[in-house]
Amino acid sequence: MTTKIKSSILILGSSSFLGPPIIEALRRKGVYKIICQSRNNIKDKTNNLDDNLIKINIDYATCDLPKGLFQDCSHIINLVNAAALSTNEL
């Protein structure tokens, strides 16, 4: 019997005020592996970390991206406040 690999959802800006309710709703569904990208720590905002919830803090300007982590990513939710980013961060 083959094991079905869960597709992943990448949440950019996951520590924003919208992040935790979205993360918890997705976790209750149990369909996706959730990859949370944030400049701030989401540990205090999200309870019960497990194998289906991955926290990352990546500088996307570098070439050292964990490509395998994004291989099964089927959706991206962008909660980043682009107006607050500097020109270099955009």
N, C-alpha and C. Protein backbone atom coordinates (compact mmCIF):
# COMPACT_ATOMS: atom_id res chain seq x y z
N MET A 1 0.84 -1.18 0.00
CA MET A 1 0.00 0.00 0.00
C MET A 1 0.89 1.24 0.00
N THR A 2 0.57 2.20 -0.86
CA THR A 2 1.37 3.41 -0.92
C THR A 2 0.81 4.46 0.03
N THR A 3 1.72 5.27 0.54
CA THR A 3 1.33 6.35 1.44
C THR A 3 1.13 7.61 0.63
N LYS A 4 0.00 8.26 0.80
CA LYS A 4 -0.27 9.50 0.08
C LYS A 4 0.49 10.63 0.76
N ILE A 5 1.27 11.36 -0.02
CA ILE A 5 2.03 12.50 0.49
C ILE A 5 1.10 13.71 0.54
N LYS A 6 1.07 14.36 1.70
CA LYS A 6 0.26 15.56 1.83
C LYS A 6 0.89 16.69 1.03
N SER A 7 0.05 17.44 0.33
CA SER A 7 0.57 18.63 -0.31
C SER A 7 0.76 19.69 0.77
N SER A 8 1.59 20.67 0.47
CA SER A 8 1.94 21.69 1.46
C SER A 8 1.34 23.03 1.08
N ILE A 9 1.13 23.85 2.11
CA ILE A 9 0.74 25.24 1.94
C ILE A 9 1.84 26.07 2.57
N LEU A 10 2.37 27.03 1.81
CA LEU A 10 3.37 27.97 2.32
C LEU A 10 2.65 29.24 2.74
N ILE A 11 2.81 29.62 4.01
CA ILE A 11 2.20 30.86 4.51
C ILE A 11 3.31 31.87 4.76
N LEU A 12 3.35 32.89 3.92
CA LEU A 12 4.34 33.96 4.07
C LEU A 12 3.77 35.02 5.02
N GLY A 13 4.58 35.48 5.96
CA GLY A 13 4.09 36.45 6.95
C GLY A 13 3.18 35.79 7.96
N SER A 14 3.50 34.57 8.35
CA SER A 14 2.61 33.77 9.20
C SER A 14 2.46 34.30 10.62
N SER A 15 3.33 35.23 11.05
CA SER A 15 3.19 35.76 12.41
C SER A 15 2.27 36.98 12.46
N SER A 16 1.71 37.38 11.31
CA SER A 16 0.78 38.51 11.31
C SER A 16 -0.48 38.14 12.08
N PHE A 17 -1.33 39.10 12.36
CA PHE A 17 -2.53 38.82 13.14
C PHE A 17 -3.47 37.85 12.44
N LEU A 18 -3.38 37.73 11.13
CA LEU A 18 -4.21 36.77 10.39
C LEU A 18 -3.64 35.36 10.39
N GLY A 19 -2.34 35.23 10.65
CA GLY A 19 -1.68 33.94 10.56
C GLY A 19 -2.23 32.87 11.48
N PRO A 20 -2.23 33.08 12.79
CA PRO A 20 -2.67 32.02 13.71
C PRO A 20 -4.07 31.46 13.44
N PRO A 21 -5.09 32.30 13.16
CA PRO A 21 -6.40 31.70 12.88
C PRO A 21 -6.42 30.86 11.60
N ILE A 22 -5.67 31.31 10.59
CA ILE A 22 -5.60 30.54 9.34
C ILE A 22 -4.87 29.22 9.59
N ILE A 23 -3.76 29.28 10.31
CA ILE A 23 -2.98 28.07 10.61
C ILE A 23 -3.83 27.07 11.39
N GLU A 24 -4.53 27.54 12.41
CA GLU A 24 -5.35 26.63 13.22
C GLU A 24 -6.48 26.02 12.40
N ALA A 25 -7.11 26.80 11.52
CA ALA A 25 -8.19 26.27 10.67
C ALA A 25 -7.64 25.20 9.72
N LEU A 26 -6.47 25.44 9.14
CA LEU A 26 -5.87 24.45 8.24
C LEU A 26 -5.47 23.19 9.01
N ARG A 27 -4.97 23.37 10.22
CA ARG A 27 -4.56 22.21 11.03
C ARG A 27 -5.76 21.34 11.39
N ARG A 28 -6.89 21.97 11.70
CA ARG A 28 -8.09 21.19 12.03
C ARG A 28 -8.54 20.33 10.86
N LYS A 29 -8.38 20.86 9.65
CA LYS A 29 -8.74 20.08 8.45
C LYS A 29 -7.82 18.89 8.27
N GLY A 30 -6.54 19.04 8.63
CA GLY A 30 -5.59 17.94 8.56
C GLY A 30 -5.25 17.46 7.16
N VAL A 31 -5.45 18.29 6.17
CA VAL A 31 -5.23 17.89 4.78
C VAL A 31 -3.84 18.27 4.30
N TYR A 32 -3.29 19.36 4.82
CA TYR A 32 -2.05 19.92 4.32
C TYR A 32 -0.94 19.89 5.36
N LYS A 33 0.29 19.83 4.86
CA LYS A 33 1.45 20.16 5.67
C LYS A 33 1.59 21.67 5.55
N ILE A 34 1.77 22.37 6.66
CA ILE A 34 1.78 23.82 6.68
C ILE A 34 3.20 24.32 6.93
N ILE A 35 3.72 25.12 6.00
CA ILE A 35 5.05 25.71 6.11
C ILE A 35 4.86 27.19 6.44
N CYS A 36 5.30 27.59 7.62
CA CYS A 36 5.12 28.97 8.09
C CYS A 36 6.41 29.74 7.98
N GLN A 37 6.44 30.73 7.11
CA GLN A 37 7.60 31.61 6.94
C GLN A 37 7.28 32.94 7.59
N SER A 38 8.18 33.39 8.45
CA SER A 38 8.00 34.68 9.10
C SER A 38 9.33 35.22 9.57
N ARG A 39 9.43 36.55 9.59
CA ARG A 39 10.63 37.16 10.18
C ARG A 39 10.55 37.10 11.70
N ASN A 40 9.35 37.03 12.25
CA ASN A 40 9.15 36.93 13.69
C ASN A 40 8.86 35.49 14.09
N ASN A 41 9.04 35.19 15.36
CA ASN A 41 8.80 33.84 15.87
C ASN A 41 7.30 33.61 16.02
N ILE A 42 6.78 32.55 15.44
CA ILE A 42 5.36 32.23 15.58
C ILE A 42 5.10 31.23 16.69
N LYS A 43 6.15 30.75 17.35
CA LYS A 43 5.98 29.72 18.37
C LYS A 43 5.01 30.16 19.46
N ASP A 44 5.09 31.41 19.89
CA ASP A 44 4.22 31.90 20.95
C ASP A 44 2.79 32.13 20.46
N LYS A 45 2.61 32.21 19.15
CA LYS A 45 1.29 32.50 18.59
C LYS A 45 0.55 31.25 18.13
N THR A 46 1.26 30.14 17.99
CA THR A 46 0.66 28.91 17.48
C THR A 46 0.97 27.77 18.43
N ASN A 47 -0.05 27.11 18.91
CA ASN A 47 0.12 26.02 19.87
C ASN A 47 0.30 24.68 19.16
N ASN A 48 0.76 23.70 19.91
CA ASN A 48 0.81 22.31 19.46
C ASN A 48 1.56 22.10 18.16
N LEU A 49 2.85 22.42 18.16
CA LEU A 49 3.67 22.18 16.97
C LEU A 49 3.78 20.68 16.73
N ASP A 50 3.70 20.24 15.49
CA ASP A 50 3.83 18.83 15.15
C ASP A 50 4.47 18.68 13.78
N ASP A 51 4.48 17.46 13.25
CA ASP A 51 5.14 17.19 11.97
C ASP A 51 4.46 17.88 10.78
N ASN A 52 3.20 18.26 10.93
CA ASN A 52 2.49 18.91 9.82
C ASN A 52 2.58 20.43 9.87
N LEU A 53 3.35 20.96 10.83
CA LEU A 53 3.55 22.39 10.94
C LEU A 53 5.05 22.67 11.01
N ILE A 54 5.57 23.31 9.97
CA ILE A 54 7.01 23.57 9.86
C ILE A 54 7.23 25.07 9.92
N LYS A 55 8.11 25.52 10.82
CA LYS A 55 8.46 26.94 10.92
C LYS A 55 9.79 27.16 10.21
N ILE A 56 9.83 28.17 9.36
CA ILE A 56 11.08 28.50 8.67
C ILE A 56 11.30 30.01 8.71
N ASN A 57 12.55 30.39 8.62
CA ASN A 57 12.93 31.80 8.50
C ASN A 57 14.05 31.83 7.47
N ILE A 58 13.69 32.11 6.23
CA ILE A 58 14.62 32.00 5.11
C ILE A 58 14.82 33.35 4.45
N ASP A 59 16.06 33.62 4.08
CA ASP A 59 16.37 34.78 3.25
C ASP A 59 16.24 34.31 1.80
N TYR A 60 15.17 34.69 1.14
CA TYR A 60 14.91 34.23 -0.22
C TYR A 60 15.87 34.82 -1.24
N ALA A 61 16.70 35.78 -0.84
CA ALA A 61 17.67 36.37 -1.75
C ALA A 61 18.89 35.48 -1.93
N THR A 62 19.06 34.48 -1.08
CA THR A 62 20.20 33.58 -1.20
C THR A 62 19.86 32.41 -2.11
N CYS A 63 20.86 31.71 -2.52
CA CYS A 63 20.66 30.54 -3.37
C CYS A 63 20.53 29.26 -2.54
N ASP A 64 20.70 29.36 -1.24
CA ASP A 64 20.67 28.18 -0.38
C ASP A 64 19.27 27.89 0.14
N LEU A 65 18.33 27.71 -0.76
CA LEU A 65 16.95 27.42 -0.37
C LEU A 65 16.74 25.91 -0.26
N PRO A 66 15.98 25.48 0.74
CA PRO A 66 15.69 24.05 0.86
C PRO A 66 14.61 23.64 -0.14
N LYS A 67 15.01 23.43 -1.37
CA LYS A 67 14.05 23.17 -2.45
C LYS A 67 13.15 21.98 -2.17
N GLY A 68 13.67 20.97 -1.49
CA GLY A 68 12.85 19.80 -1.15
C GLY A 68 11.67 20.14 -0.27
N LEU A 69 11.83 21.17 0.54
CA LEU A 69 10.75 21.60 1.43
C LEU A 69 9.56 22.12 0.64
N PHE A 70 9.83 22.74 -0.50
CA PHE A 70 8.76 23.33 -1.30
C PHE A 70 8.27 22.41 -2.43
N GLN A 71 8.84 21.26 -2.55
CA GLN A 71 8.53 20.36 -3.67
C GLN A 71 7.05 20.00 -3.75
N ASP A 72 6.41 19.76 -2.64
CA ASP A 72 5.00 19.36 -2.63
C ASP A 72 4.07 20.53 -2.29
N CYS A 73 4.58 21.76 -2.43
CA CYS A 73 3.80 22.95 -2.09
C CYS A 73 2.81 23.24 -3.22
N SER A 74 1.52 23.20 -2.89
CA SER A 74 0.50 23.42 -3.90
C SER A 74 -0.17 24.79 -3.78
N HIS A 75 -0.01 25.45 -2.63
CA HIS A 75 -0.63 26.76 -2.42
C HIS A 75 0.33 27.68 -1.67
N ILE A 76 0.19 28.98 -1.92
CA ILE A 76 0.93 30.00 -1.18
C ILE A 76 -0.07 31.03 -0.69
N ILE A 77 -0.02 31.34 0.60
CA ILE A 77 -0.84 32.40 1.19
C ILE A 77 0.11 33.50 1.59
N ASN A 78 -0.07 34.69 1.04
CA ASN A 78 0.83 35.81 1.31
C ASN A 78 0.16 36.79 2.27
N LEU A 79 0.65 36.82 3.51
CA LEU A 79 0.13 37.74 4.52
C LEU A 79 1.13 38.85 4.82
N VAL A 80 2.16 38.95 4.00
CA VAL A 80 3.20 39.95 4.21
C VAL A 80 2.64 41.33 3.86
N ASN A 81 2.92 42.29 4.73
CA ASN A 81 2.51 43.67 4.49
C ASN A 81 3.60 44.32 3.63
N ALA A 82 3.43 44.27 2.34
CA ALA A 82 4.45 44.76 1.41
C ALA A 82 4.74 46.24 1.59
N ALA A 83 3.80 47.03 2.06
CA ALA A 83 4.03 48.46 2.26
C ALA A 83 5.07 48.72 3.35
N ALA A 84 5.25 47.77 4.26
CA ALA A 84 6.21 47.93 5.36
C ALA A 84 7.60 47.42 5.01
N LEU A 85 7.77 46.82 3.84
CA LEU A 85 9.06 46.28 3.46
C LEU A 85 9.94 47.34 2.79
N SER A 86 11.23 47.20 2.97
CA SER A 86 12.15 48.11 2.30
C SER A 86 12.30 47.70 0.84
N THR A 87 12.90 48.55 0.05
CA THR A 87 13.12 48.25 -1.37
C THR A 87 13.95 46.98 -1.54
N ASN A 88 14.96 46.78 -0.69
CA ASN A 88 15.80 45.58 -0.78
C ASN A 88 15.02 44.32 -0.45
N GLU A 89 14.06 44.40 0.45
CA GLU A 89 13.28 43.22 0.84
C GLU A 89 12.27 42.86 -0.22
N LEU A 90 11.80 43.85 -1.01
CA LEU A 90 10.85 43.55 -2.08
C LEU A 90 11.57 42.83 -3.18
